[in-house]
PDB file of N, CA and C in Angstrom:
ATOM      1  N   MET A   1     -34.549 -44.569 -24.891  1.00  0.00           N
ATOM      2  CA  MET A   1     -35.911 -45.034 -24.945  1.00  0.00           C
ATOM      3  C   MET A   1     -36.694 -44.321 -23.838  1.00  0.00           C
ATOM      4  N   SER A   2     -37.856 -43.807 -24.186  1.00  0.00           N
ATOM      5  CA  SER A   2     -38.682 -43.148 -23.179  1.00  0.00           C
ATOM      6  C   SER A   2     -39.643 -44.147 -22.556  1.00  0.00           C
ATOM      7  N   ARG A   3     -40.043 -43.853 -21.341  1.00  0.00           N
ATOM      8  CA  ARG A   3     -40.985 -44.722 -20.636  1.00  0.00           C
ATOM      9  C   ARG A   3     -42.311 -44.012 -20.495  1.00  0.00           C
ATOM     10  N   THR A   4     -43.370 -44.753 -20.635  1.00  0.00           N
ATOM     11  CA  THR A   4     -44.702 -44.201 -20.428  1.00  0.00           C
ATOM     12  C   THR A   4     -44.978 -44.201 -18.938  1.00  0.00           C
ATOM     13  N   THR A   5     -45.393 -43.059 -18.433  1.00  0.00           N
ATOM     14  CA  THR A   5     -45.675 -42.966 -17.003  1.00  0.00           C
ATOM     15  C   THR A   5     -47.160 -42.865 -16.717  1.00  0.00           C
ATOM     16  N   ALA A   6     -47.952 -42.745 -17.765  1.00  0.00           N
ATOM     17  CA  ALA A   6     -49.397 -42.640 -17.556  1.00  0.00           C
ATOM     18  C   ALA A   6     -50.122 -43.243 -18.751  1.00  0.00           C
ATOM     19  N   VAL A   7     -51.321 -43.678 -18.493  1.00  0.00           N
ATOM     20  CA  VAL A   7     -52.177 -44.185 -19.548  1.00  0.00           C
ATOM     21  C   VAL A   7     -53.475 -43.399 -19.483  1.00  0.00           C
ATOM     22  N   GLU A   8     -53.930 -42.918 -20.621  1.00  0.00           N
ATOM     23  CA  GLU A   8     -55.191 -42.191 -20.685  1.00  0.00           C
ATOM     24  C   GLU A   8     -56.138 -42.968 -21.589  1.00  0.00           C
ATOM     25  N   LEU A   9     -57.319 -43.255 -21.091  1.00  0.00           N
ATOM     26  CA  LEU A   9     -58.333 -43.970 -21.867  1.00  0.00           C
ATOM     27  C   LEU A   9     -59.447 -43.005 -22.220  1.00  0.00           C
ATOM     28  N   LEU A  10     -59.785 -42.953 -23.488  1.00  0.00           N
ATOM     29  CA  LEU A  10     -60.865 -42.082 -23.953  1.00  0.00           C
ATOM     30  C   LEU A  10     -61.872 -42.915 -24.730  1.00  0.00           C
ATOM     31  N   ALA A  11     -63.123 -42.725 -24.436  1.00  0.00           N
ATOM     32  CA  ALA A  11     -64.174 -43.398 -25.197  1.00  0.00           C
ATOM     33  C   ALA A  11     -64.524 -42.546 -26.411  1.00  0.00           C
ATOM     34  N   VAL A  12     -64.839 -43.192 -27.507  1.00  0.00           N
ATOM     35  CA  VAL A  12     -65.279 -42.456 -28.689  1.00  0.00           C
ATOM     36  C   VAL A  12     -66.689 -41.966 -28.410  1.00  0.00           C
ATOM     37  N   PRO A  13     -66.886 -40.650 -28.403  1.00  0.00           N
ATOM     38  CA  PRO A  13     -68.208 -40.122 -28.047  1.00  0.00           C
ATOM     39  C   PRO A  13     -69.268 -40.383 -29.120  1.00  0.00           C
ATOM     40  N   ASP A  14     -70.468 -40.624 -28.642  1.00  0.00           N
ATOM     41  CA  ASP A  14     -71.648 -40.745 -29.512  1.00  0.00           C
ATOM     42  C   ASP A  14     -71.491 -41.766 -30.622  1.00  0.00           C
ATOM     43  N   LEU A  15     -70.819 -42.861 -30.343  1.00  0.00           N
ATOM     44  CA  LEU A  15     -70.707 -43.924 -31.333  1.00  0.00           C
ATOM     45  C   LEU A  15     -72.076 -44.592 -31.441  1.00  0.00           C
ATOM     46  N   PRO A  16     -72.641 -44.661 -32.647  1.00  0.00           N
ATOM     47  CA  PRO A  16     -73.985 -45.245 -32.776  1.00  0.00           C
ATOM     48  C   PRO A  16     -73.956 -46.766 -32.626  1.00  0.00           C
ATOM     49  N   MET A  17     -75.120 -47.357 -32.473  1.00  0.00           N
ATOM     50  CA  MET A  17     -75.224 -48.812 -32.495  1.00  0.00           C
ATOM     51  C   MET A  17     -74.748 -49.279 -33.861  1.00  0.00           C
ATOM     52  N   VAL A  18     -73.901 -50.284 -33.866  1.00  0.00           N
ATOM     53  CA  VAL A  18     -73.315 -50.772 -35.116  1.00  0.00           C
ATOM     54  C   VAL A  18     -74.219 -51.849 -35.712  1.00  0.00           C
ATOM     55  N   ALA A  19     -74.383 -51.788 -37.019  1.00  0.00           N
ATOM     56  CA  ALA A  19     -75.221 -52.739 -37.743  1.00  0.00           C
ATOM     57  C   ALA A  19     -74.384 -53.438 -38.810  1.00  0.00           C
ATOM     58  N   PRO A  20     -74.844 -54.597 -39.276  1.00  0.00           N
ATOM     59  CA  PRO A  20     -74.110 -55.297 -40.329  1.00  0.00           C
ATOM     60  C   PRO A  20     -73.828 -54.381 -41.520  1.00  0.00           C
ATOM     61  N   GLY A  21     -72.582 -54.413 -41.980  1.00  0.00           N
ATOM     62  CA  GLY A  21     -72.188 -53.611 -43.135  1.00  0.00           C
ATOM     63  C   GLY A  21     -71.674 -52.222 -42.801  1.00  0.00           C
ATOM     64  N   ASP A  22     -71.803 -51.799 -41.552  1.00  0.00           N
ATOM     65  CA  ASP A  22     -71.312 -50.470 -41.178  1.00  0.00           C
ATOM     66  C   ASP A  22     -69.804 -50.383 -41.362  1.00  0.00           C
ATOM     67  N   ASP A  23     -69.335 -49.212 -41.730  1.00  0.00           N
ATOM     68  CA  ASP A  23     -67.906 -48.937 -41.896  1.00  0.00           C
ATOM     69  C   ASP A  23     -67.370 -48.466 -40.549  1.00  0.00           C
ATOM     70  N   LEU A  24     -66.723 -49.376 -39.810  1.00  0.00           N
ATOM     71  CA  LEU A  24     -66.240 -49.037 -38.472  1.00  0.00           C
ATOM     72  C   LEU A  24     -65.239 -47.897 -38.486  1.00  0.00           C
ATOM     73  N   ALA A  25     -64.347 -47.901 -39.451  1.00  0.00           N
ATOM     74  CA  ALA A  25     -63.337 -46.840 -39.530  1.00  0.00           C
ATOM     75  C   ALA A  25     -64.010 -45.481 -39.676  1.00  0.00           C
ATOM     76  N   ALA A  26     -65.023 -45.397 -40.527  1.00  0.00           N
ATOM     77  CA  ALA A  26     -65.730 -44.130 -40.726  1.00  0.00           C
ATOM     78  C   ALA A  26     -66.490 -43.727 -39.468  1.00  0.00           C
ATOM     79  N   LEU A  27     -67.150 -44.696 -38.808  1.00  0.00           N
ATOM     80  CA  LEU A  27     -67.886 -44.384 -37.576  1.00  0.00           C
ATOM     81  C   LEU A  27     -66.955 -43.879 -36.475  1.00  0.00           C
ATOM     82  N   VAL A  28     -65.809 -44.538 -36.317  1.00  0.00           N
ATOM     83  CA  VAL A  28     -64.853 -44.141 -35.284  1.00  0.00           C
ATOM     84  C   VAL A  28     -64.254 -42.784 -35.625  1.00  0.00           C
ATOM     85  N   ALA A  29     -63.877 -42.576 -36.883  1.00  0.00           N
ATOM     86  CA  ALA A  29     -63.303 -41.290 -37.297  1.00  0.00           C
ATOM     87  C   ALA A  29     -64.286 -40.147 -37.045  1.00  0.00           C
ATOM     88  N   ALA A  30     -65.555 -40.364 -37.373  1.00  0.00           N
ATOM     89  CA  ALA A  30     -66.568 -39.328 -37.141  1.00  0.00           C
ATOM     90  C   ALA A  30     -66.731 -39.061 -35.643  1.00  0.00           C
ATOM     91  N   GLY A  31     -66.713 -40.112 -34.845  1.00  0.00           N
ATOM     92  CA  GLY A  31     -66.821 -39.940 -33.397  1.00  0.00           C
ATOM     93  C   GLY A  31     -65.636 -39.177 -32.821  1.00  0.00           C
ATOM     94  N   LEU A  32     -64.447 -39.479 -33.309  1.00  0.00           N
ATOM     95  CA  LEU A  32     -63.262 -38.759 -32.840  1.00  0.00           C
ATOM     96  C   LEU A  32     -63.361 -37.280 -33.202  1.00  0.00           C
ATOM     97  N   ARG A  33     -63.835 -36.980 -34.420  1.00  0.00           N
ATOM     98  CA  ARG A  33     -64.009 -35.570 -34.811  1.00  0.00           C
ATOM     99  C   ARG A  33     -65.030 -34.878 -33.916  1.00  0.00           C
ATOM    100  N   ARG A  34     -66.172 -35.559 -33.661  1.00  0.00           N
ATOM    101  CA  ARG A  34     -67.203 -34.962 -32.788  1.00  0.00           C
ATOM    102  C   ARG A  34     -66.646 -34.657 -31.409  1.00  0.00           C
ATOM    103  N   GLY A  35     -65.817 -35.548 -30.914  1.00  0.00           N
ATOM    104  CA  GLY A  35     -65.247 -35.365 -29.587  1.00  0.00           C
ATOM    105  C   GLY A  35     -63.983 -34.526 -29.571  1.00  0.00           C
ATOM    106  N   GLU A  36     -63.616 -34.052 -30.752  1.00  0.00           N
ATOM    107  CA  GLU A  36     -62.396 -33.235 -30.895  1.00  0.00           C
ATOM    108  C   GLU A  36     -61.180 -33.973 -30.321  1.00  0.00           C
ATOM    109  N   ILE A  37     -61.124 -35.263 -30.620  1.00  0.00           N
ATOM    110  CA  ILE A  37     -60.003 -36.101 -30.193  1.00  0.00           C
ATOM    111  C   ILE A  37     -59.092 -36.294 -31.397  1.00  0.00           C
ATOM    112  N   GLN A  38     -57.843 -35.907 -31.259  1.00  0.00           N
ATOM    113  CA  GLN A  38     -56.869 -36.038 -32.333  1.00  0.00           C
ATOM    114  C   GLN A  38     -55.845 -37.103 -31.967  1.00  0.00           C
ATOM    115  N   PRO A  39     -55.941 -38.290 -32.567  1.00  0.00           N
ATOM    116  CA  PRO A  39     -54.939 -39.318 -32.267  1.00  0.00           C
ATOM    117  C   PRO A  39     -53.539 -38.839 -32.641  1.00  0.00           C
ATOM    118  N   ARG A  40     -52.563 -39.256 -31.832  1.00  0.00           N
ATOM    119  CA  ARG A  40     -51.164 -38.880 -32.071  1.00  0.00           C
ATOM    120  C   ARG A  40     -50.364 -40.135 -32.415  1.00  0.00           C
ATOM    121  N   ALA A  41     -49.194 -39.924 -32.964  1.00  0.00           N
ATOM    122  CA  ALA A  41     -48.298 -41.037 -33.270  1.00  0.00           C
ATOM    123  C   ALA A  41     -48.062 -41.825 -31.987  1.00  0.00           C
ATOM    124  N   GLY A  42     -48.170 -43.139 -32.085  1.00  0.00           N
ATOM    125  CA  GLY A  42     -47.960 -44.008 -30.930  1.00  0.00           C
ATOM    126  C   GLY A  42     -49.227 -44.323 -30.158  1.00  0.00           C
ATOM    127  N   ASP A  43     -50.327 -43.622 -30.438  1.00  0.00           N
ATOM    128  CA  ASP A  43     -51.594 -43.933 -29.777  1.00  0.00           C
ATOM    129  C   ASP A  43     -52.087 -45.298 -30.244  1.00  0.00           C
ATOM    130  N   VAL A  44     -52.860 -45.947 -29.409  1.00  0.00           N
ATOM    131  CA  VAL A  44     -53.422 -47.256 -29.718  1.00  0.00           C
ATOM    132  C   VAL A  44     -54.934 -47.144 -29.680  1.00  0.00           C
ATOM    133  N   LEU A  45     -55.572 -47.579 -30.725  1.00  0.00           N
ATOM    134  CA  LEU A  45     -57.032 -47.589 -30.796  1.00  0.00           C
ATOM    135  C   LEU A  45     -57.494 -49.018 -30.559  1.00  0.00           C
ATOM    136  N   VAL A  46     -58.409 -49.208 -29.619  1.00  0.00           N
ATOM    137  CA  VAL A  46     -58.880 -50.544 -29.264  1.00  0.00           C
ATOM    138  C   VAL A  46     -60.379 -50.624 -29.512  1.00  0.00           C
ATOM    139  N   LEU A  47     -60.776 -51.663 -30.233  1.00  0.00           N
ATOM    140  CA  LEU A  47     -62.190 -51.924 -30.462  1.00  0.00           C
ATOM    141  C   LEU A  47     -62.519 -53.284 -29.874  1.00  0.00           C
ATOM    142  N   ALA A  48     -63.658 -53.387 -29.250  1.00  0.00           N
ATOM    143  CA  ALA A  48     -64.105 -54.681 -28.729  1.00  0.00           C
ATOM    144  C   ALA A  48     -64.475 -55.584 -29.906  1.00  0.00           C
ATOM    145  N   GLN A  49     -64.220 -56.879 -29.743  1.00  0.00           N
ATOM    146  CA  GLN A  49     -64.553 -57.833 -30.797  1.00  0.00           C
ATOM    147  C   GLN A  49     -66.042 -57.787 -31.120  1.00  0.00           C
ATOM    148  N   LYS A  50     -66.863 -57.494 -30.141  1.00  0.00           N
ATOM    149  CA  LYS A  50     -68.307 -57.482 -30.361  1.00  0.00           C
ATOM    150  C   LYS A  50     -68.709 -56.463 -31.418  1.00  0.00           C
ATOM    151  N   ILE A  51     -68.103 -55.279 -31.373  1.00  0.00           N
ATOM    152  CA  ILE A  51     -68.461 -54.244 -32.345  1.00  0.00           C
ATOM    153  C   ILE A  51     -68.000 -54.649 -33.749  1.00  0.00           C
ATOM    154  N   VAL A  52     -66.858 -55.329 -33.828  1.00  0.00           N
ATOM    155  CA  VAL A  52     -66.355 -55.817 -35.119  1.00  0.00           C
ATOM    156  C   VAL A  52     -67.293 -56.897 -35.650  1.00  0.00           C
ATOM    157  N   SER A  53     -67.679 -57.825 -34.785  1.00  0.00           N
ATOM    158  CA  SER A  53     -68.593 -58.894 -35.196  1.00  0.00           C
ATOM    159  C   SER A  53     -69.925 -58.336 -35.681  1.00  0.00           C
ATOM    160  N   LYS A  54     -70.434 -57.320 -35.001  1.00  0.00           N
ATOM    161  CA  LYS A  54     -71.696 -56.710 -35.434  1.00  0.00           C
ATOM    162  C   LYS A  54     -71.554 -56.124 -36.835  1.00  0.00           C
ATOM    163  N   ALA A  55     -70.482 -55.385 -37.091  1.00  0.00           N
ATOM    164  CA  ALA A  55     -70.267 -54.791 -38.412  1.00  0.00           C
ATOM    165  C   ALA A  55     -70.114 -55.861 -39.484  1.00  0.00           C
ATOM    166  N   GLU A  56     -69.517 -56.997 -39.121  1.00  0.00           N
ATOM    167  CA  GLU A  56     -69.342 -58.100 -40.067  1.00  0.00           C
ATOM    168  C   GLU A  56     -70.616 -58.920 -40.257  1.00  0.00           C
ATOM    169  N   GLY A  57     -71.645 -58.622 -39.479  1.00  0.00           N
ATOM    170  CA  GLY A  57     -72.892 -59.379 -39.580  1.00  0.00           C
ATOM    171  C   GLY A  57     -72.762 -60.783 -39.018  1.00  0.00           C
ATOM    172  N   ARG A  58     -71.906 -60.938 -38.025  1.00  0.00           N
ATOM    173  CA  ARG A  58     -71.636 -62.270 -37.474  1.00  0.00           C
ATOM    174  C   ARG A  58     -72.376 -62.496 -36.155  1.00  0.00           C
ATOM    175  N   SER A  59     -73.657 -62.265 -36.159  1.00  0.00           N
ATOM    176  CA  SER A  59     -74.455 -62.588 -34.977  1.00  0.00           C
ATOM    177  C   SER A  59     -75.345 -63.780 -35.319  1.00  0.00           C
ATOM    178  N   VAL A  60     -75.656 -64.548 -34.301  1.00  0.00           N
ATOM    179  CA  VAL A  60     -76.435 -65.770 -34.499  1.00  0.00           C
ATOM    180  C   VAL A  60     -77.528 -65.823 -33.434  1.00  0.00           C
ATOM    181  N   ASP A  61     -78.714 -66.166 -33.838  1.00  0.00           N
ATOM    182  CA  ASP A  61     -79.817 -66.374 -32.905  1.00  0.00           C
ATOM    183  C   ASP A  61     -79.626 -67.750 -32.272  1.00  0.00           C
ATOM    184  N   LEU A  62     -79.389 -67.790 -30.950  1.00  0.00           N
ATOM    185  CA  LEU A  62     -79.140 -69.064 -30.278  1.00  0.00           C
ATOM    186  C   LEU A  62     -80.275 -70.072 -30.475  1.00  0.00           C
ATOM    187  N   ALA A  63     -81.475 -69.573 -30.694  1.00  0.00           N
ATOM    188  CA  ALA A  63     -82.614 -70.483 -30.884  1.00  0.00           C
ATOM    189  C   ALA A  63     -82.457 -71.332 -32.143  1.00  0.00           C
ATOM    190  N   THR A  64     -81.592 -70.912 -33.060  1.00  0.00           N
ATOM    191  CA  THR A  64     -81.398 -71.652 -34.309  1.00  0.00           C
ATOM    192  C   THR A  64     -80.237 -72.647 -34.233  1.00  0.00           C
ATOM    193  N   VAL A  65     -79.513 -72.669 -33.121  1.00  0.00           N
ATOM    194  CA  VAL A  65     -78.317 -73.509 -32.996  1.00  0.00           C
ATOM    195  C   VAL A  65     -78.679 -74.873 -32.415  1.00  0.00           C
ATOM    196  N   VAL A  66     -78.232 -75.921 -33.079  1.00  0.00           N
ATOM    197  CA  VAL A  66     -78.416 -77.285 -32.597  1.00  0.00           C
ATOM    198  C   VAL A  66     -77.045 -77.779 -32.138  1.00  0.00           C
ATOM    199  N   PRO A  67     -76.876 -77.984 -30.819  1.00  0.00           N
ATOM    200  CA  PRO A  67     -75.558 -78.390 -30.317  1.00  0.00           C
ATOM    201  C   PRO A  67     -75.222 -79.839 -30.658  1.00  0.00           C
ATOM    202  N   SER A  68     -73.948 -80.059 -30.967  1.00  0.00           N
ATOM    203  CA  SER A  68     -73.446 -81.403 -31.231  1.00  0.00           C
ATOM    204  C   SER A  68     -73.206 -82.131 -29.908  1.00  0.00           C
ATOM    205  N   ALA A  69     -72.955 -83.430 -29.993  1.00  0.00           N
ATOM    206  CA  ALA A  69     -72.639 -84.205 -28.785  1.00  0.00           C
ATOM    207  C   ALA A  69     -71.389 -83.640 -28.109  1.00  0.00           C
ATOM    208  N   ARG A  70     -70.406 -83.238 -28.912  1.00  0.00           N
ATOM    209  CA  ARG A  70     -69.178 -82.655 -28.360  1.00  0.00           C
ATOM    210  C   ARG A  70     -69.493 -81.368 -27.602  1.00  0.00           C
ATOM    211  N   ALA A  71     -70.340 -80.527 -28.172  1.00  0.00           N
ATOM    212  CA  ALA A  71     -70.712 -79.266 -27.517  1.00  0.00           C
ATOM    213  C   ALA A  71     -71.462 -79.528 -26.216  1.00  0.00           C
ATOM    214  N   ILE A  72     -72.324 -80.509 -26.221  1.00  0.00           N
ATOM    215  CA  ILE A  72     -73.086 -80.845 -25.008  1.00  0.00           C
ATOM    216  C   ILE A  72     -72.143 -81.311 -23.906  1.00  0.00           C
ATOM    217  N   ALA A  73     -71.174 -82.151 -24.255  1.00  0.00           N
ATOM    218  CA  ALA A  73     -70.216 -82.649 -23.255  1.00  0.00           C
ATOM    219  C   ALA A  73     -69.353 -81.516 -22.701  1.00  0.00           C
ATOM    220  N   LEU A  74     -68.838 -80.665 -23.574  1.00  0.00           N
ATOM    221  CA  LEU A  74     -68.006 -79.552 -23.122  1.00  0.00           C
ATOM    222  C   LEU A  74     -68.835 -78.552 -22.316  1.00  0.00           C
ATOM    223  N   ALA A  75     -70.071 -78.347 -22.709  1.00  0.00           N
ATOM    224  CA  ALA A  75     -70.950 -77.419 -21.993  1.00  0.00           C
ATOM    225  C   ALA A  75     -71.152 -77.862 -20.543  1.00  0.00           C
ATOM    226  N   LYS A  76     -71.259 -79.168 -20.329  1.00  0.00           N
ATOM    227  CA  LYS A  76     -71.381 -79.682 -18.954  1.00  0.00           C
ATOM    228  C   LYS A  76     -70.125 -79.364 -18.161  1.00  0.00           C
ATOM    229  N   GLU A  77     -68.969 -79.527 -18.799  1.00  0.00           N
ATOM    230  CA  GLU A  77     -67.693 -79.277 -18.121  1.00  0.00           C
ATOM    231  C   GLU A  77     -67.512 -77.799 -17.776  1.00  0.00           C
ATOM    232  N   ILE A  78     -67.846 -76.910 -18.712  1.00  0.00           N
ATOM    233  CA  ILE A  78     -67.617 -75.482 -18.447  1.00  0.00           C
ATOM    234  C   ILE A  78     -68.875 -74.779 -17.931  1.00  0.00           C
ATOM    235  N   GLN A  79     -69.945 -75.547 -17.762  1.00  0.00           N
ATOM    236  CA  GLN A  79     -71.185 -75.042 -17.156  1.00  0.00           C
ATOM    237  C   GLN A  79     -71.811 -73.900 -17.957  1.00  0.00           C
ATOM    238  N   LYS A  80     -71.936 -74.131 -19.265  1.00  0.00           N
ATOM    239  CA  LYS A  80     -72.524 -73.122 -20.140  1.00  0.00           C
ATOM    240  C   LYS A  80     -73.535 -73.735 -21.086  1.00  0.00           C
ATOM    241  N   ASP A  81     -74.308 -72.885 -21.721  1.00  0.00           N
ATOM    242  CA  ASP A  81     -75.330 -73.292 -22.673  1.00  0.00           C
ATOM    243  C   ASP A  81     -74.665 -74.055 -23.836  1.00  0.00           C
ATOM    244  N   PRO A  82     -75.107 -75.273 -24.108  1.00  0.00           N
ATOM    245  CA  PRO A  82     -74.514 -76.062 -25.194  1.00  0.00           C
ATOM    246  C   PRO A  82     -74.577 -75.364 -26.559  1.00  0.00           C
ATOM    247  N   ARG A  83     -75.579 -74.548 -26.771  1.00  0.00           N
ATOM    248  CA  ARG A  83     -75.686 -73.834 -28.050  1.00  0.00           C
ATOM    249  C   ARG A  83     -74.554 -72.823 -28.199  1.00  0.00           C
ATOM    250  N   LEU A  84     -74.242 -72.135 -27.106  1.00  0.00           N
ATOM    251  CA  LEU A  84     -73.132 -71.184 -27.114  1.00  0.00           C
ATOM    252  C   LEU A  84     -71.812 -71.918 -27.329  1.00  0.00           C
ATOM    253  N   VAL A  85     -71.658 -73.040 -26.682  1.00  0.00           N
ATOM    254  CA  VAL A  85     -70.442 -73.843 -26.840  1.00  0.00           C
ATOM    255  C   VAL A  85     -70.330 -74.346 -28.281  1.00  0.00           C
ATOM    256  N   GLU A  86     -71.442 -74.705 -28.888  1.00  0.00           N
ATOM    257  CA  GLU A  86     -71.418 -75.126 -30.296  1.00  0.00           C
ATOM    258  C   GLU A  86     -70.878 -74.010 -31.192  1.00  0.00           C
ATOM    259  N   LEU A  87     -71.273 -72.785 -30.923  1.00  0.00           N
ATOM    260  CA  LEU A  87     -70.772 -71.655 -31.720  1.00  0.00           C
ATOM    261  C   LEU A  87     -69.275 -71.455 -31.511  1.00  0.00           C
ATOM    262  N   ILE A  88     -68.827 -71.609 -30.278  1.00  0.00           N
ATOM    263  CA  ILE A  88     -67.394 -71.501 -29.990  1.00  0.00           C
ATOM    264  C   ILE A  88     -66.627 -72.587 -30.742  1.00  0.00           C
ATOM    265  N   LEU A  89     -67.128 -73.810 -30.689  1.00  0.00           N
ATOM    266  CA  LEU A  89     -66.471 -74.921 -31.377  1.00  0.00           C
ATOM    267  C   LEU A  89     -66.454 -74.715 -32.893  1.00  0.00           C
ATOM    268  N   SER A  90     -67.518 -74.121 -33.425  1.00  0.00           N
ATOM    269  CA  SER A  90     -67.583 -73.927 -34.882  1.00  0.00           C
ATOM    270  C   SER A  90     -66.546 -72.918 -35.373  1.00  0.00           C
ATOM    271  N   GLU A  91     -66.021 -72.096 -34.482  1.00  0.00           N
ATOM    272  CA  GLU A  91     -64.999 -71.111 -34.835  1.00  0.00           C
ATOM    273  C   GLU A  91     -63.602 -71.568 -34.434  1.00  0.00           C
ATOM    274  N   SER A  92     -63.490 -72.764 -33.881  1.00  0.00           N
ATOM    275  CA  SER A  92     -62.216 -73.244 -33.345  1.00  0.00           C
ATOM    276  C   SER A  92     -61.681 -74.441 -34.111  1.00  0.00           C
ATOM    277  N   VAL A  93     -60.367 -74.534 -34.149  1.00  0.00           N
ATOM    278  CA  VAL A  93     -59.698 -75.711 -34.695  1.00  0.00           C
ATOM    279  C   VAL A  93     -59.629 -76.776 -33.610  1.00  0.00           C
ATOM    280  N   ARG A  94     -59.335 -76.329 -32.390  1.00  0.00           N
ATOM    281  CA  ARG A  94     -59.287 -77.257 -31.257  1.00  0.00           C
ATOM    282  C   ARG A  94     -59.449 -76.488 -29.956  1.00  0.00           C
ATOM    283  N   VAL A  95     -59.876 -77.196 -28.932  1.00  0.00           N
ATOM    284  CA  VAL A  95     -59.944 -76.643 -27.584  1.00  0.00           C
ATOM    285  C   VAL A  95     -58.660 -77.048 -26.878  1.00  0.00           C
ATOM    286  N   VAL A  96     -57.939 -76.070 -26.365  1.00  0.00           N
ATOM    287  CA  VAL A  96     -56.656 -76.320 -25.722  1.00  0.00           C
ATOM    288  C   VAL A  96     -56.846 -76.671 -24.254  1.00  0.00           C
ATOM    289  N   ARG A  97     -57.686 -75.900 -23.573  1.00  0.00           N
ATOM    290  CA  ARG A  97     -57.971 -76.143 -22.157  1.00  0.00           C
ATOM    291  C   ARG A  97     -59.400 -75.731 -21.861  1.00  0.00           C
ATOM    292  N   SER A  98     -59.941 -76.344 -20.828  1.00  0.00           N
ATOM    293  CA  SER A  98     -61.273 -75.944 -20.379  1.00  0.00           C
ATOM    294  C   SER A  98     -61.407 -76.266 -18.905  1.00  0.00           C
ATOM    295  N   ARG A  99     -62.206 -75.475 -18.254  1.00  0.00           N
ATOM    296  CA  ARG A  99     -62.570 -75.676 -16.856  1.00  0.00           C
ATOM    297  C   ARG A  99     -63.845 -74.884 -16.632  1.00  0.00           C
ATOM    298  N   PRO A 100     -64.488 -75.047 -15.491  1.00  0.00           N
ATOM    299  CA  PRO A 100     -65.747 -74.323 -15.279  1.00  0.00           C
ATOM    300  C   PRO A 100     -65.613 -72.828 -15.587  1.00  0.00           C
ATOM    301  N   MET A 101     -66.490 -72.364 -16.418  1.00  0.00           N
ATOM    302  CA  MET A 101     -66.652 -70.963 -16.803  1.00  0.00           C
ATOM    303  C   MET A 101     -65.632 -70.446 -17.823  1.00  0.00           C
ATOM    304  N   VAL A 102     -64.747 -71.304 -18.336  1.00  0.00           N
ATOM    305  CA  VAL A 102     -63.773 -70.815 -19.328  1.00  0.00           C
ATOM    306  C   VAL A 102     -63.324 -71.941 -20.253  1.00  0.00           C
ATOM    307  N   SER A 103     -63.093 -71.576 -21.499  1.00  0.00           N
ATOM    308  CA  SER A 103     -62.450 -72.494 -22.446  1.00  0.00           C
ATOM    309  C   SER A 103     -61.422 -71.689 -23.226  1.00  0.00           C
ATOM    310  N   ILE A 104     -60.337 -72.348 -23.585  1.00  0.00           N
ATOM    311  CA  ILE A 104     -59.300 -71.715 -24.395  1.00  0.00           C
ATOM    312  C   ILE A 104     -59.151 -72.573 -25.637  1.00  0.00           C
ATOM    313  N   GLY A 105     -59.298 -71.943 -26.773  1.00  0.00           N
ATOM    314  CA  GLY A 105     -59.229 -72.687 -28.019  1.00  0.00           C
ATOM    315  C   GLY A 105     -58.349 -72.000 -29.034  1.00  0.00           C
ATOM    316  N   TRP A 106     -58.016 -72.738 -30.074  1.00  0.00           N
ATOM    317  CA  TRP A 106     -57.255 -72.181 -31.181  1.00  0.00           C
ATOM    318  C   TRP A 106     -58.255 -71.901 -32.294  1.00  0.00           C
ATOM    319  N   ARG A 107     -58.380 -70.638 -32.659  1.00  0.00           N
ATOM    320  CA  ARG A 107     -59.391 -70.238 -33.634  1.00  0.00           C
ATOM    321  C   ARG A 107     -58.986 -70.567 -35.060  1.00  0.00           C
ATOM    322  N   LYS A 108     -59.954 -70.732 -35.923  1.00  0.00           N
ATOM    323  CA  LYS A 108     -59.711 -71.022 -37.334  1.00  0.00           C
ATOM    324  C   LYS A 108     -58.921 -69.915 -38.019  1.00  0.00           C
ATOM    325  N   ILE A 109     -59.050 -68.694 -37.531  1.00  0.00           N
ATOM    326  CA  ILE A 109     -58.340 -67.567 -38.156  1.00  0.00           C
ATOM    327  C   ILE A 109     -56.877 -67.502 -37.728  1.00  0.00           C
ATOM    328  N   GLY A 110     -56.438 -68.447 -36.868  1.00  0.00           N
ATOM    329  CA  GLY A 110     -55.020 -68.577 -36.615  1.00  0.00           C
ATOM    330  C   GLY A 110     -54.478 -68.085 -35.306  1.00  0.00           C
ATOM    331  N   HIS A 111     -55.314 -67.796 -34.344  1.00  0.00           N
ATOM    332  CA  HIS A 111     -54.788 -67.379 -33.048  1.00  0.00           C
ATOM    333  C   HIS A 111     -55.599 -67.972 -31.899  1.00  0.00           C
ATOM    334  N   PRO A 112     -54.993 -67.999 -30.719  1.00  0.00           N
ATOM    335  CA  PRO A 112     -55.735 -68.529 -29.571  1.00  0.00           C
ATOM    336  C   PRO A 112     -56.779 -67.528 -29.098  1.00  0.00           C
ATOM    337  N   SER A 113     -57.781 -68.050 -28.440  1.00  0.00           N
ATOM    338  CA  SER A 113     -58.848 -67.200 -27.927  1.00  0.00           C
ATOM    339  C   SER A 113     -59.449 -67.844 -26.696  1.00  0.00           C
ATOM    340  N   SER A 114     -59.743 -67.012 -25.696  1.00  0.00           N
ATOM    341  CA  SER A 114     -60.412 -67.549 -24.513  1.00  0.00           C
ATOM    342  C   SER A 114     -61.885 -67.159 -24.573  1.00  0.00           C
ATOM    343  N   SER A 115     -62.695 -68.007 -24.056  1.00  0.00           N
ATOM    344  CA  SER A 115     -64.121 -67.737 -23.920  1.00  0.00           C
ATOM    345  C   SER A 115     -64.422 -67.812 -22.439  1.00  0.00           C
ATOM    346  N   ALA A 116     -64.310 -66.675 -21.785  1.00  0.00           N
ATOM    347  CA  ALA A 116     -64.560 -66.610 -20.349  1.00  0.00           C
ATOM    348  C   ALA A 116     -65.999 -66.163 -20.131  1.00  0.00           C
ATOM    349  N   PHE A 117     -66.627 -66.743 -19.151  1.00  0.00           N
ATOM    350  CA  PHE A 117     -68.023 -66.467 -18.886  1.00  0.00           C
ATOM    351  C   PHE A 117     -68.191 -65.962 -17.466  1.00  0.00           C
ATOM    352  N   ALA A 118     -68.974 -64.923 -17.328  1.00  0.00           N
ATOM    353  CA  ALA A 118     -69.231 -64.398 -15.982  1.00  0.00           C
ATOM    354  C   ALA A 118     -70.536 -64.940 -15.463  1.00  0.00           C
TER     355      ALA A 118
END
């Protein structure tokens, strides 16, 4: 078994702003070609959840969110906007842990997720 002794991080050059319905695979592939980056076997491609959410059209105007009593209570505990907490709760099956500035929940899609706030 070989060991990795170095990690190289490369940004995809000239990636445009992503809009709902965009084909992320095509955008990334085009960016890699522009940057003359050739992925090799064993390479790992990482995309931020935000770019995926944008392509899926999963953005919400906070002004349209009405927080529930549960969201208001949790928002006080984690010191965040109740509307944002309502969105987190709407994507979660349950909240596993919470403390100021962070909540850890089990998402509806089947995995845990943390919501850390700076």
